[in-house]
Amino acid sequence: MGDNLVSEKTIAFSIAHEILSSSVDIPTIPENGARIMSMVRRPLDKIDIPSFAKLVESDPGLFTRVLQLANSPFYAEIEKIVSIRSAIVRIGLTEIVNSVCLYFFQKMLPKFPEIPGFSYDGFWTHSWACAVANRRLGHPNIGMGIMPGELYMTGLLQGMGKLMLAIHFPEDFTKCIKNALEYEEPLNKIEKDVFGTTDCLVAGKVMSAWHLPGNICEGVAYYQTPELAPPEYIIIAGLTQYAYAIAGLSGTGCSGDGILMDVTQTYFGEQSNLILSKKSFQDSLIREILNYLDILSDSVTEPAYEVASGKAGKAKTVDWRSKKKTGKLPSKKKKGLMGWIKSFWGS
């Protein structure tokens, strides 16, 4: 296992270097973006509202879209919002921060070519769902000691390697998506056969070159295999894996995987001494997150593995523990805040 990991990391480094030095522009993070990310990683009660508002206002496009969101019919009120502080009062700081992060990375990173079973909108919607679930895992009642903001960023960026492989190696990555869906296998397992490494490790190397915090880079690099992470990064990687499994259960967007990850078989789901593995707490937590995602999301992409296989059907209520047994989810369309975010942020 150790030799395999060394080989995969070496190949990932080589691919990341090729990506960063290619003719396809993968931009560096602008100064205001780095400052925004640094701020939103803090606990919400530690974010300086005036400073955050000033950062948002310094980007005309972002400022305009936040105001559009605050004045959307989802938050319909008589008084028109004209300032970031008023938008925060109406929407709430959590949703403003989440929306700013989503917009920032969508704006910064290029689109990838259309791939059957793996769309650009579906990719970002799934990333958003994973980020929302991961932020919840930073709550003190879980007691894992990772800041919710860092978990949100790691959840949002966990799929960054997929985006990069889709842009730079579209034929090989399309083959990975096709095989994962056809054989109902985890995408990272197929990627090892095709690339000799995984998108997670590639993303970790690229994000390190962007000088993102080590906690986020390593959390992304090892979220599929937390047990292989350096000891200081096992918790953030394990929580992100747990959130990824919950995002899959929600049916929100598409991850490219050919089968659902079983929450009970994630790294922390199997640790009998942790609250995350306790059936009663697990049931309550997952229902809470799924309900929250259901309220916020809107008309999201049907799960890729169902679309590709032609098995997508009418929406129906299914207990999450029955969903994980088959690895399949019913398709569903939802209405809520995510629809307004998508309509204003744009593709």
Foldseek 3Di string as FASTA:
>chain_A
DVVLVVQQLVLLLVVLVCLPPDPPDQDFQDPLRVVLLVQLQAAPVPRDVVVNQVSQVVDVLSLVLLQCLLCDPLQPDDDRDDGPVVSCVRPNPVVSSLLSLLLRVVVNGDFFDDAQLAHRQLQQFLLSLLLLLQLVCQDCVQPLPRHSSLSSLLSNCLLVLLRSCRRPPVVLSSVLLVVQLVVVAFSQVSCCVRSVYGSQSNQLSNVVVSVDDNLSSQLSNCLVPLVPGDPVNSSSSQSSVLSSLLSLLLQAGERSGNFGDDNCPGPVCVPPVGPCVDPVSVQVSSVVSSVVSQAAAFQGDGYSSCVVVVNADEDDDDRSVVCNVVRDHHGDGGDHNNVSSCVSSDD
